[in-house]
Amino acid sequence: MALYCIGDIQGCDGALQRLLDLIGFSASRDTVYLLGDLVNRGPGSAAVLRRCMAHGDALRPLLGNHDLHLLAAAHGARKPSRRDTLADVLEAPDRDALLQWLRAQPLARRHIHGRQPLLMVHAGVLPSWTADETLQLAGEVESALQGPDLRAFLHQMYGNTPARWDRSLDGPDRLRVIVNALTRLRFCSNEGVMDFESTESASAAPPGLLPWFEVPGRATAGTLVAFGHWSTLGWLNRPHCLGLDT
């Protein structure tokens, strides 16, 4: 069995098919983790979702900010922008099935490969979070996505504050910080204060900020973390960090 991780697909189903062909993917033998942003920007968001659904446990996605944006647009919490290419999902005859499947996907995953634990998120992990805590906090958001108050959660999901994690947070503020860290994070301070303005490369960090994976003493420093989201970062291959939005 082979294990693969693929970064942001963003609605490019043709490119995904070519990549699966390139690696000789077999659904009966291999496991492919998709690191979020399955949809939007490309022309085939619905096709990507249908492909994932058809392959079952062989293609294992997690949610990114564009996937959450699709759910928000579908439930009236956010209007699609002119740049969005979500209409093929929102107007699909199997729209309800696609959206129901999407809301059931996790925001973080862990895979034990030999002796090496692999933690997967879309964007980042706050410096104070351990791998176990990351999965637990992701589960809180997953419960909201799969629960009866989905629409209320999506309406309250957007915003840049609070910008710092505090274990005493509760309600919408708590869930918003978790969502922002897992699906939007690039830079933060040593204290874990998140920045959502800069999308530059890691070498162009704003004053007082660092790429989240370079914060000294981060709690996941001993865990291999794979993530996407950061296109200007390019291919990042470090002993405990894999950046895959290339």
C-alpha atoms as a PDB file:
ATOM      1  CA  MET A   1       0.000   0.000   0.000  1.00  0.00           C
ATOM      2  CA  ALA A   2       1.256   3.468  -0.912  1.00  0.00           C
ATOM      3  CA  LEU A   3       0.432   6.655   0.994  1.00  0.00           C
ATOM      4  CA  TYR A   4       0.173  10.050  -0.722  1.00  0.00           C
ATOM      5  CA  CYS A   5      -0.699  13.608   0.319  1.00  0.00           C
ATOM      6  CA  ILE A   6      -1.952  16.135  -2.234  1.00  0.00           C
ATOM      7  CA  GLY A   7      -2.394  19.844  -1.611  1.00  0.00           C
ATOM      8  CA  ASP A   8      -5.110  22.195  -2.768  1.00  0.00           C
ATOM      9  CA  ILE A   9      -7.118  20.787  -5.707  1.00  0.00           C
ATOM     10  CA  GLN A  10      -9.377  23.873  -5.962  1.00  0.00           C
ATOM     11  CA  GLY A  11     -11.867  22.481  -8.420  1.00  0.00           C
ATOM     12  CA  CYS A  12      -9.292  21.174 -10.913  1.00  0.00           C
ATOM     13  CA  ASP A  13     -10.655  17.686 -11.454  1.00  0.00           C
ATOM     14  CA  GLY A  14      -8.751  17.113 -14.681  1.00  0.00           C
ATOM     15  CA  ALA A  15      -5.460  17.895 -12.957  1.00  0.00           C
ATOM     16  CA  LEU A  16      -6.398  15.588 -10.084  1.00  0.00           C
ATOM     17  CA  GLN A  17      -7.108  12.760 -12.521  1.00  0.00           C
ATOM     18  CA  ARG A  18      -3.758  13.286 -14.249  1.00  0.00           C
ATOM     19  CA  LEU A  19      -1.965  13.274 -10.908  1.00  0.00           C
ATOM     20  CA  LEU A  20      -3.682  10.067  -9.821  1.00  0.00           C
ATOM     21  CA  ASP A  21      -2.737   8.507 -13.154  1.00  0.00           C
ATOM     22  CA  LEU A  22       0.856   9.668 -12.706  1.00  0.00           C
ATOM     23  CA  ILE A  23       1.229   7.898  -9.360  1.00  0.00           C
ATOM     24  CA  GLY A  24      -0.576   4.806 -10.618  1.00  0.00           C
ATOM     25  CA  PHE A  25      -3.289   5.217  -8.011  1.00  0.00           C
ATOM     26  CA  SER A  26      -5.303   2.120  -7.142  1.00  0.00           C
ATOM     27  CA  ALA A  27      -8.328   2.591  -4.887  1.00  0.00           C
ATOM     28  CA  SER A  28      -8.024  -0.992  -3.671  1.00  0.00           C
ATOM     29  CA  ARG A  29      -4.381  -0.568  -2.684  1.00  0.00           C
ATOM     30  CA  ASP A  30      -3.460   3.071  -2.032  1.00  0.00           C
ATOM     31  CA  THR A  31      -4.495   5.874   0.308  1.00  0.00           C
ATOM     32  CA  VAL A  32      -4.472   9.518  -0.787  1.00  0.00           C
ATOM     33  CA  TYR A  33      -5.012  12.359   1.657  1.00  0.00           C
ATOM     34  CA  LEU A  34      -6.311  15.612   0.154  1.00  0.00           C
ATOM     35  CA  LEU A  35      -5.289  18.570   2.302  1.00  0.00           C
ATOM     36  CA  GLY A  36      -8.312  20.802   1.874  1.00  0.00           C
ATOM     37  CA  ASP A  37      -9.630  23.329  -0.634  1.00  0.00           C
ATOM     38  CA  LEU A  38     -11.177  20.674  -2.806  1.00  0.00           C
ATOM     39  CA  VAL A  39     -13.326  23.308  -4.507  1.00  0.00           C
ATOM     40  CA  ASN A  40     -13.321  26.790  -6.032  1.00  0.00           C
ATOM     41  CA  ARG A  41     -11.193  28.637  -8.588  1.00  0.00           C
ATOM     42  CA  GLY A  42     -11.081  25.693 -11.015  1.00  0.00           C
ATOM     43  CA  PRO A  43     -13.902  24.612 -13.369  1.00  0.00           C
ATOM     44  CA  GLY A  44     -14.742  21.228 -11.843  1.00  0.00           C
ATOM     45  CA  SER A  45     -15.605  21.556  -8.162  1.00  0.00           C
ATOM     46  CA  ALA A  46     -18.598  19.233  -8.398  1.00  0.00           C
ATOM     47  CA  ALA A  47     -16.537  16.658 -10.290  1.00  0.00           C
ATOM     48  CA  VAL A  48     -13.850  16.709  -7.583  1.00  0.00           C
ATOM     49  CA  LEU A  49     -16.451  16.062  -4.889  1.00  0.00           C
ATOM     50  CA  ARG A  50     -18.049  13.260  -6.892  1.00  0.00           C
ATOM     51  CA  ARG A  51     -14.646  11.658  -7.475  1.00  0.00           C
ATOM     52  CA  CYS A  52     -13.888  11.717  -3.750  1.00  0.00           C
ATOM     53  CA  MET A  53     -17.269  10.241  -2.918  1.00  0.00           C
ATOM     54  CA  ALA A  54     -16.874   7.494  -5.514  1.00  0.00           C
ATOM     55  CA  HIS A  55     -13.474   6.387  -4.199  1.00  0.00           C
ATOM     56  CA  GLY A  56     -14.656   6.093  -0.615  1.00  0.00           C
ATOM     57  CA  ASP A  57     -11.919   5.595   1.958  1.00  0.00           C
ATOM     58  CA  ALA A  58      -9.132   5.564  -0.645  1.00  0.00           C
ATOM     59  CA  LEU A  59      -9.387   9.355  -1.069  1.00  0.00           C
ATOM     60  CA  ARG A  60      -9.458  10.974   2.368  1.00  0.00           C
ATOM     61  CA  PRO A  61     -10.028  14.731   2.293  1.00  0.00           C
ATOM     62  CA  LEU A  62     -10.064  17.360   4.970  1.00  0.00           C
ATOM     63  CA  LEU A  63     -11.697  20.766   4.831  1.00  0.00           C
ATOM     64  CA  GLY A  64     -10.071  24.042   3.833  1.00  0.00           C
ATOM     65  CA  ASN A  65     -11.314  27.615   3.822  1.00  0.00           C
ATOM     66  CA  HIS A  66     -12.773  27.334   0.307  1.00  0.00           C
ATOM     67  CA  ASP A  67     -14.720  24.221   1.270  1.00  0.00           C
ATOM     68  CA  LEU A  68     -16.191  26.019   4.275  1.00  0.00           C
ATOM     69  CA  HIS A  69     -16.950  28.976   2.014  1.00  0.00           C
ATOM     70  CA  LEU A  70     -18.952  26.681  -0.261  1.00  0.00           C
ATOM     71  CA  LEU A  71     -20.993  25.445   2.694  1.00  0.00           C
ATOM     72  CA  ALA A  72     -21.559  29.032   3.824  1.00  0.00           C
ATOM     73  CA  ALA A  73     -22.703  30.072   0.347  1.00  0.00           C
ATOM     74  CA  ALA A  74     -25.021  27.080   0.104  1.00  0.00           C
ATOM     75  CA  HIS A  75     -26.675  27.938   3.415  1.00  0.00           C
ATOM     76  CA  GLY A  76     -27.024  31.678   2.837  1.00  0.00           C
ATOM     77  CA  ALA A  77     -24.264  32.745   5.220  1.00  0.00           C
ATOM     78  CA  ARG A  78     -22.047  34.224   2.496  1.00  0.00           C
ATOM     79  CA  LYS A  79     -22.607  35.415  -1.054  1.00  0.00           C
ATOM     80  CA  PRO A  80     -20.315  33.919  -3.700  1.00  0.00           C
ATOM     81  CA  SER A  81     -17.844  36.447  -5.063  1.00  0.00           C
ATOM     82  CA  ARG A  82     -17.158  37.119  -8.731  1.00  0.00           C
ATOM     83  CA  ARG A  83     -13.998  34.997  -8.477  1.00  0.00           C
ATOM     84  CA  ASP A  84     -15.823  31.976  -7.094  1.00  0.00           C
ATOM     85  CA  THR A  85     -16.504  28.995  -9.351  1.00  0.00           C
ATOM     86  CA  LEU A  86     -19.008  27.215  -7.133  1.00  0.00           C
ATOM     87  CA  ALA A  87     -22.072  27.319  -9.370  1.00  0.00           C
ATOM     88  CA  ASP A  88     -21.592  23.777 -10.664  1.00  0.00           C
ATOM     89  CA  VAL A  89     -22.046  22.548  -7.083  1.00  0.00           C
ATOM     90  CA  LEU A  90     -24.747  24.995  -6.015  1.00  0.00           C
ATOM     91  CA  GLU A  91     -26.803  24.274  -9.148  1.00  0.00           C
ATOM     92  CA  ALA A  92     -26.056  20.545  -9.401  1.00  0.00           C
ATOM     93  CA  PRO A  93     -28.919  18.026  -9.428  1.00  0.00           C
ATOM     94  CA  ASP A  94     -27.069  16.144  -6.674  1.00  0.00           C
ATOM     95  CA  ARG A  95     -26.311  19.344  -4.736  1.00  0.00           C
ATOM     96  CA  ASP A  96     -27.761  18.066  -1.463  1.00  0.00           C
ATOM     97  CA  ALA A  97     -25.737  14.852  -1.556  1.00  0.00           C
ATOM     98  CA  LEU A  98     -22.519  16.735  -2.374  1.00  0.00           C
ATOM     99  CA  LEU A  99     -23.011  19.234   0.439  1.00  0.00           C
ATOM    100  CA  GLN A 100     -24.029  16.571   2.932  1.00  0.00           C
ATOM    101  CA  TRP A 101     -20.870  14.614   2.154  1.00  0.00           C
ATOM    102  CA  LEU A 102     -18.705  17.742   2.392  1.00  0.00           C
ATOM    103  CA  ARG A 103     -19.976  18.802   5.813  1.00  0.00           C
ATOM    104  CA  ALA A 104     -19.102  15.345   7.161  1.00  0.00           C
ATOM    105  CA  GLN A 105     -15.379  15.713   6.390  1.00  0.00           C
ATOM    106  CA  PRO A 106     -12.816  16.501   9.125  1.00  0.00           C
ATOM    107  CA  LEU A 107     -10.611  19.567   9.576  1.00  0.00           C
ATOM    108  CA  ALA A 108      -7.604  17.541  10.724  1.00  0.00           C
ATOM    109  CA  ARG A 109      -6.417  13.977  10.335  1.00  0.00           C
ATOM    110  CA  ARG A 110      -3.673  11.802  11.772  1.00  0.00           C
ATOM    111  CA  HIS A 111      -2.032   8.829  10.123  1.00  0.00           C
ATOM    112  CA  ILE A 112       0.524   6.559  11.755  1.00  0.00           C
ATOM    113  CA  HIS A 113       2.986   5.553   9.045  1.00  0.00           C
ATOM    114  CA  GLY A 114       5.446   3.092  10.508  1.00  0.00           C
ATOM    115  CA  ARG A 115       6.677   4.813  13.653  1.00  0.00           C
ATOM    116  CA  GLN A 116       6.139   8.307  12.264  1.00  0.00           C
ATOM    117  CA  PRO A 117       2.864  10.048  13.195  1.00  0.00           C
ATOM    118  CA  LEU A 118       1.624  12.341  10.439  1.00  0.00           C
ATOM    119  CA  LEU A 119      -0.706  15.221  11.329  1.00  0.00           C
ATOM    120  CA  MET A 120      -2.574  16.802   8.425  1.00  0.00           C
ATOM    121  CA  VAL A 121      -4.338  20.169   8.348  1.00  0.00           C
ATOM    122  CA  HIS A 122      -5.211  22.607   5.601  1.00  0.00           C
ATOM    123  CA  ALA A 123      -3.332  25.694   6.798  1.00  0.00           C
ATOM    124  CA  GLY A 124      -1.556  25.510  10.130  1.00  0.00           C
ATOM    125  CA  VAL A 125      -1.386  24.635  13.797  1.00  0.00           C
ATOM    126  CA  LEU A 126      -1.067  27.210  16.558  1.00  0.00           C
ATOM    127  CA  PRO A 127       2.238  27.009  18.456  1.00  0.00           C
ATOM    128  CA  SER A 128       0.657  25.983  21.760  1.00  0.00           C
ATOM    129  CA  TRP A 129      -1.419  23.129  20.312  1.00  0.00           C
ATOM    130  CA  THR A 130      -0.218  19.557  20.545  1.00  0.00           C
ATOM    131  CA  ALA A 131      -1.229  17.071  17.874  1.00  0.00           C
ATOM    132  CA  ASP A 132      -3.805  15.551  20.217  1.00  0.00           C
ATOM    133  CA  GLU A 133      -5.250  18.965  21.051  1.00  0.00           C
ATOM    134  CA  THR A 134      -5.381  19.905  17.374  1.00  0.00           C
ATOM    135  CA  LEU A 135      -7.476  16.845  16.592  1.00  0.00           C
ATOM    136  CA  GLN A 136      -9.707  17.444  19.604  1.00  0.00           C
ATOM    137  CA  LEU A 137     -10.335  21.085  18.689  1.00  0.00           C
ATOM    138  CA  ALA A 138     -10.947  20.191  15.057  1.00  0.00           C
ATOM    139  CA  GLY A 139     -13.564  17.778  16.353  1.00  0.00           C
ATOM    140  CA  GLU A 140     -15.431  20.637  18.033  1.00  0.00           C
ATOM    141  CA  VAL A 141     -15.844  22.369  14.678  1.00  0.00           C
ATOM    142  CA  GLU A 142     -16.752  19.090  13.001  1.00  0.00           C
ATOM    143  CA  SER A 143     -19.543  18.623  15.544  1.00  0.00           C
ATOM    144  CA  ALA A 144     -20.886  22.075  14.676  1.00  0.00           C
ATOM    145  CA  LEU A 145     -20.729  21.315  10.953  1.00  0.00           C
ATOM    146  CA  GLN A 146     -22.601  18.060  11.391  1.00  0.00           C
ATOM    147  CA  GLY A 147     -25.055  19.311  14.002  1.00  0.00           C
ATOM    148  CA  PRO A 148     -28.544  20.822  13.798  1.00  0.00           C
ATOM    149  CA  ASP A 149     -27.293  24.424  14.113  1.00  0.00           C
ATOM    150  CA  LEU A 150     -25.137  24.394  10.977  1.00  0.00           C
ATOM    151  CA  ARG A 151     -26.634  27.570   9.542  1.00  0.00           C
ATOM    152  CA  ALA A 152     -26.036  29.537  12.751  1.00  0.00           C
ATOM    153  CA  PHE A 153     -22.448  28.288  12.947  1.00  0.00           C
ATOM    154  CA  LEU A 154     -21.719  29.314   9.348  1.00  0.00           C
ATOM    155  CA  HIS A 155     -23.153  32.799   9.908  1.00  0.00           C
ATOM    156  CA  GLN A 156     -20.862  33.257  12.925  1.00  0.00           C
ATOM    157  CA  MET A 157     -17.773  31.611  11.417  1.00  0.00           C
ATOM    158  CA  TYR A 158     -16.306  34.608   9.580  1.00  0.00           C
ATOM    159  CA  GLY A 159     -14.045  37.218  11.166  1.00  0.00           C
ATOM    160  CA  ASN A 160     -10.470  37.802  12.304  1.00  0.00           C
ATOM    161  CA  THR A 161     -11.097  38.048  16.025  1.00  0.00           C
ATOM    162  CA  PRO A 162     -10.162  36.748  18.468  1.00  0.00           C
ATOM    163  CA  ALA A 163      -6.716  36.521  16.884  1.00  0.00           C
ATOM    164  CA  ARG A 164      -5.227  34.504  19.718  1.00  0.00           C
ATOM    165  CA  TRP A 165      -6.166  31.175  21.253  1.00  0.00           C
ATOM    166  CA  ASP A 166      -7.314  31.028  24.849  1.00  0.00           C
ATOM    167  CA  ARG A 167      -8.597  27.804  26.368  1.00  0.00           C
ATOM    168  CA  SER A 168     -11.279  29.767  28.210  1.00  0.00           C
ATOM    169  CA  LEU A 169     -12.914  30.862  24.947  1.00  0.00           C
ATOM    170  CA  ASP A 170     -16.353  29.450  24.284  1.00  0.00           C
ATOM    171  CA  GLY A 171     -19.204  29.700  21.808  1.00  0.00           C
ATOM    172  CA  PRO A 172     -18.690  31.268  18.364  1.00  0.00           C
ATOM    173  CA  ASP A 173     -15.397  32.940  19.351  1.00  0.00           C
ATOM    174  CA  ARG A 174     -13.856  29.599  20.272  1.00  0.00           C
ATOM    175  CA  LEU A 175     -14.958  27.907  17.065  1.00  0.00           C
ATOM    176  CA  ARG A 176     -13.853  30.888  14.950  1.00  0.00           C
ATOM    177  CA  VAL A 177     -10.306  30.768  16.325  1.00  0.00           C
ATOM    178  CA  ILE A 178     -10.112  27.038  15.635  1.00  0.00           C
ATOM    179  CA  VAL A 179     -11.399  27.471  12.076  1.00  0.00           C
ATOM    180  CA  ASN A 180      -9.018  30.356  11.381  1.00  0.00           C
ATOM    181  CA  ALA A 181      -5.991  28.466  12.661  1.00  0.00           C
ATOM    182  CA  LEU A 182      -6.713  25.259  10.781  1.00  0.00           C
ATOM    183  CA  THR A 183      -7.857  26.814   7.493  1.00  0.00           C
ATOM    184  CA  ARG A 184      -6.317  30.318   7.214  1.00  0.00           C
ATOM    185  CA  LEU A 185      -3.123  30.538   9.269  1.00  0.00           C
ATOM    186  CA  ARG A 186       0.191  31.517   7.687  1.00  0.00           C
ATOM    187  CA  PHE A 187       1.977  33.932  10.006  1.00  0.00           C
ATOM    188  CA  CYS A 188       1.708  34.437  13.747  1.00  0.00           C
ATOM    189  CA  SER A 189       3.700  35.919  16.605  1.00  0.00           C
ATOM    190  CA  ASN A 190       5.757  33.950  19.112  1.00  0.00           C
ATOM    191  CA  GLU A 191       2.727  34.190  21.389  1.00  0.00           C
ATOM    192  CA  GLY A 192       0.411  32.732  18.751  1.00  0.00           C
ATOM    193  CA  VAL A 193      -1.349  35.938  17.662  1.00  0.00           C
ATOM    194  CA  MET A 194      -2.515  35.221  14.113  1.00  0.00           C
ATOM    195  CA  ASP A 195      -2.110  37.527  11.132  1.00  0.00           C
ATOM    196  CA  PHE A 196      -4.573  37.321   8.235  1.00  0.00           C
ATOM    197  CA  GLU A 197      -3.281  40.148   6.053  1.00  0.00           C
ATOM    198  CA  SER A 198      -0.033  38.857   4.575  1.00  0.00           C
ATOM    199  CA  THR A 199      -0.028  36.126   1.934  1.00  0.00           C
ATOM    200  CA  GLU A 200       3.635  36.558   1.014  1.00  0.00           C
ATOM    201  CA  SER A 201       6.286  33.858   1.105  1.00  0.00           C
ATOM    202  CA  ALA A 202       7.816  32.736   4.385  1.00  0.00           C
ATOM    203  CA  SER A 203      10.899  34.881   3.757  1.00  0.00           C
ATOM    204  CA  ALA A 204       8.734  38.029   3.636  1.00  0.00           C
ATOM    205  CA  ALA A 205       7.249  37.760   7.127  1.00  0.00           C
ATOM    206  CA  PRO A 206       5.837  41.051   8.446  1.00  0.00           C
ATOM    207  CA  PRO A 207       7.710  42.585  11.402  1.00  0.00           C
ATOM    208  CA  GLY A 208       7.149  40.676  14.624  1.00  0.00           C
ATOM    209  CA  LEU A 209       5.691  37.641  12.852  1.00  0.00           C
ATOM    210  CA  LEU A 210       6.954  34.224  11.811  1.00  0.00           C
ATOM    211  CA  PRO A 211       5.623  31.409   9.662  1.00  0.00           C
ATOM    212  CA  TRP A 212       3.630  29.326  12.130  1.00  0.00           C
ATOM    213  CA  PHE A 213       5.965  26.347  11.658  1.00  0.00           C
ATOM    214  CA  GLU A 214       9.033  28.416  12.620  1.00  0.00           C
ATOM    215  CA  VAL A 215       7.770  29.618  15.999  1.00  0.00           C
ATOM    216  CA  PRO A 216      10.318  28.455  18.604  1.00  0.00           C
ATOM    217  CA  GLY A 217       9.092  25.715  20.897  1.00  0.00           C
ATOM    218  CA  ARG A 218       5.862  24.954  19.050  1.00  0.00           C
ATOM    219  CA  ALA A 219       4.157  21.954  20.594  1.00  0.00           C
ATOM    220  CA  THR A 220       4.016  19.974  17.319  1.00  0.00           C
ATOM    221  CA  ALA A 221       7.736  20.371  16.578  1.00  0.00           C
ATOM    222  CA  GLY A 222       8.274  16.633  17.026  1.00  0.00           C
ATOM    223  CA  THR A 223       5.367  15.657  14.773  1.00  0.00           C
ATOM    224  CA  LEU A 224       5.435  15.608  10.991  1.00  0.00           C
ATOM    225  CA  VAL A 225       2.774  18.109   9.863  1.00  0.00           C
ATOM    226  CA  ALA A 226       1.538  18.202   6.261  1.00  0.00           C
ATOM    227  CA  PHE A 227      -0.435  21.218   5.074  1.00  0.00           C
ATOM    228  CA  GLY A 228      -1.475  23.176   1.990  1.00  0.00           C
ATOM    229  CA  HIS A 229      -3.065  26.637   1.683  1.00  0.00           C
ATOM    230  CA  TRP A 230       0.127  28.694   1.237  1.00  0.00           C
ATOM    231  CA  SER A 231       0.745  28.902  -2.513  1.00  0.00           C
ATOM    232  CA  THR A 232       3.540  31.489  -2.286  1.00  0.00           C
ATOM    233  CA  LEU A 233       5.439  29.186   0.052  1.00  0.00           C
ATOM    234  CA  GLY A 234       5.998  26.637  -2.698  1.00  0.00           C
ATOM    235  CA  TRP A 235       7.240  23.121  -1.978  1.00  0.00           C
ATOM    236  CA  LEU A 236       8.439  22.870   1.628  1.00  0.00           C
ATOM    237  CA  ASN A 237      10.170  19.687   2.749  1.00  0.00           C
ATOM    238  CA  ARG A 238      11.597  19.749   6.259  1.00  0.00           C
ATOM    239  CA  PRO A 239      12.068  16.941   8.778  1.00  0.00           C
ATOM    240  CA  HIS A 240       8.846  17.834  10.613  1.00  0.00           C
ATOM    241  CA  CYS A 241       6.991  19.943   8.057  1.00  0.00           C
ATOM    242  CA  LEU A 242       5.613  19.386   4.541  1.00  0.00           C
ATOM    243  CA  GLY A 243       4.060  22.295   2.641  1.00  0.00           C
ATOM    244  CA  LEU A 244       2.158  21.027  -0.400  1.00  0.00           C
ATOM    245  CA  ASP A 245       0.208  23.896  -1.978  1.00  0.00           C
ATOM    246  CA  THR A 246       2.394  23.964  -5.059  1.00  0.00           C
END
